[in-house]
Protein backbone atom coordinates (compact mmCIF):
# COMPACT_ATOMS: atom_id res chain seq x y z
CA UNK A 1 24.30 -7.42 -42.54
CA UNK A 2 25.85 -4.89 -40.13
CA UNK A 3 22.93 -2.78 -40.51
CA UNK A 4 20.31 -5.54 -39.74
CA UNK A 5 22.19 -6.66 -36.53
CA UNK A 6 22.17 -2.94 -35.32
CA UNK A 7 18.61 -2.54 -36.04
CA UNK A 8 17.67 -5.79 -34.07
CA UNK A 9 19.81 -4.62 -31.26
CA UNK A 10 18.00 -1.09 -31.28
CA UNK A 11 14.75 -2.84 -31.42
CA UNK A 12 15.54 -4.83 -28.50
CA UNK A 13 16.74 -1.81 -26.29
CA UNK A 14 13.67 -0.13 -27.19
CA UNK A 15 11.29 -2.88 -26.40
CA UNK A 16 13.25 -3.72 -23.11
CA UNK A 17 13.01 0.16 -21.96
CA UNK A 18 9.36 0.24 -22.63
CA UNK A 19 8.91 -3.03 -20.77
CA UNK A 20 10.61 -1.69 -17.91
CA UNK A 21 8.88 1.51 -17.80
CA UNK A 22 5.45 -0.47 -17.95
CA UNK A 23 6.48 -2.92 -15.25
CA UNK A 24 7.75 -0.13 -12.70
CA UNK A 25 4.38 1.91 -13.30
CA UNK A 26 2.29 -1.12 -12.81
CA UNK A 27 4.23 -1.95 -9.29
CA UNK A 28 3.45 1.35 -8.06
CA UNK A 29 -0.19 1.25 -8.63
CA UNK A 30 -0.95 -2.35 -7.66
CA UNK A 31 -0.18 -2.66 -4.20
CA UNK A 32 -1.76 -5.77 -2.38
CA UNK A 33 -3.23 -4.73 1.19
CA UNK A 34 -5.54 -6.98 3.29
CA UNK A 35 -8.66 -4.70 3.47
CA UNK A 36 -9.52 -6.22 7.17
CA UNK A 37 -7.78 -8.33 9.62
CA UNK A 38 -10.86 -11.00 9.56
CA UNK A 39 -9.66 -11.81 6.05
CA UNK A 40 -6.24 -13.09 7.38
CA UNK A 41 -6.19 -16.69 8.19
CA UNK A 42 -6.38 -17.57 11.91
CA UNK A 43 -4.63 -20.73 13.54
CA UNK A 44 -7.20 -22.90 15.39
CA UNK A 45 -4.56 -24.91 17.27
CA UNK A 46 -2.56 -23.72 20.44
CA UNK A 47 1.00 -23.03 19.34
CA UNK A 48 2.45 -24.27 22.34
CA UNK A 49 0.90 -27.75 21.80
CA UNK A 50 3.30 -30.25 21.07
CA UNK A 51 0.97 -32.42 19.25
CA UNK A 52 -0.72 -29.40 17.36
CA UNK A 53 -3.67 -30.34 15.45
CA UNK A 54 -2.55 -34.09 15.40
CA UNK A 55 0.63 -32.99 13.19
CA UNK A 56 2.95 -34.46 15.72
CA UNK A 57 2.15 -38.18 14.58
CA UNK A 58 4.02 -37.69 11.33
CA UNK A 59 0.98 -38.24 8.99
């Protein structure tokens, strides 16, 4: 029984190490970058308007 528990713990450690390696490699390769600023959302209401786009009515 002691050997089964030790083997199980060893398998968990190896699996965790492999998953950590895969995660760090994936995050290093996949960076999200906006290609153009025109793809970013542009606000259409004046930011100094107290009733910006009608949202001041509490609806």
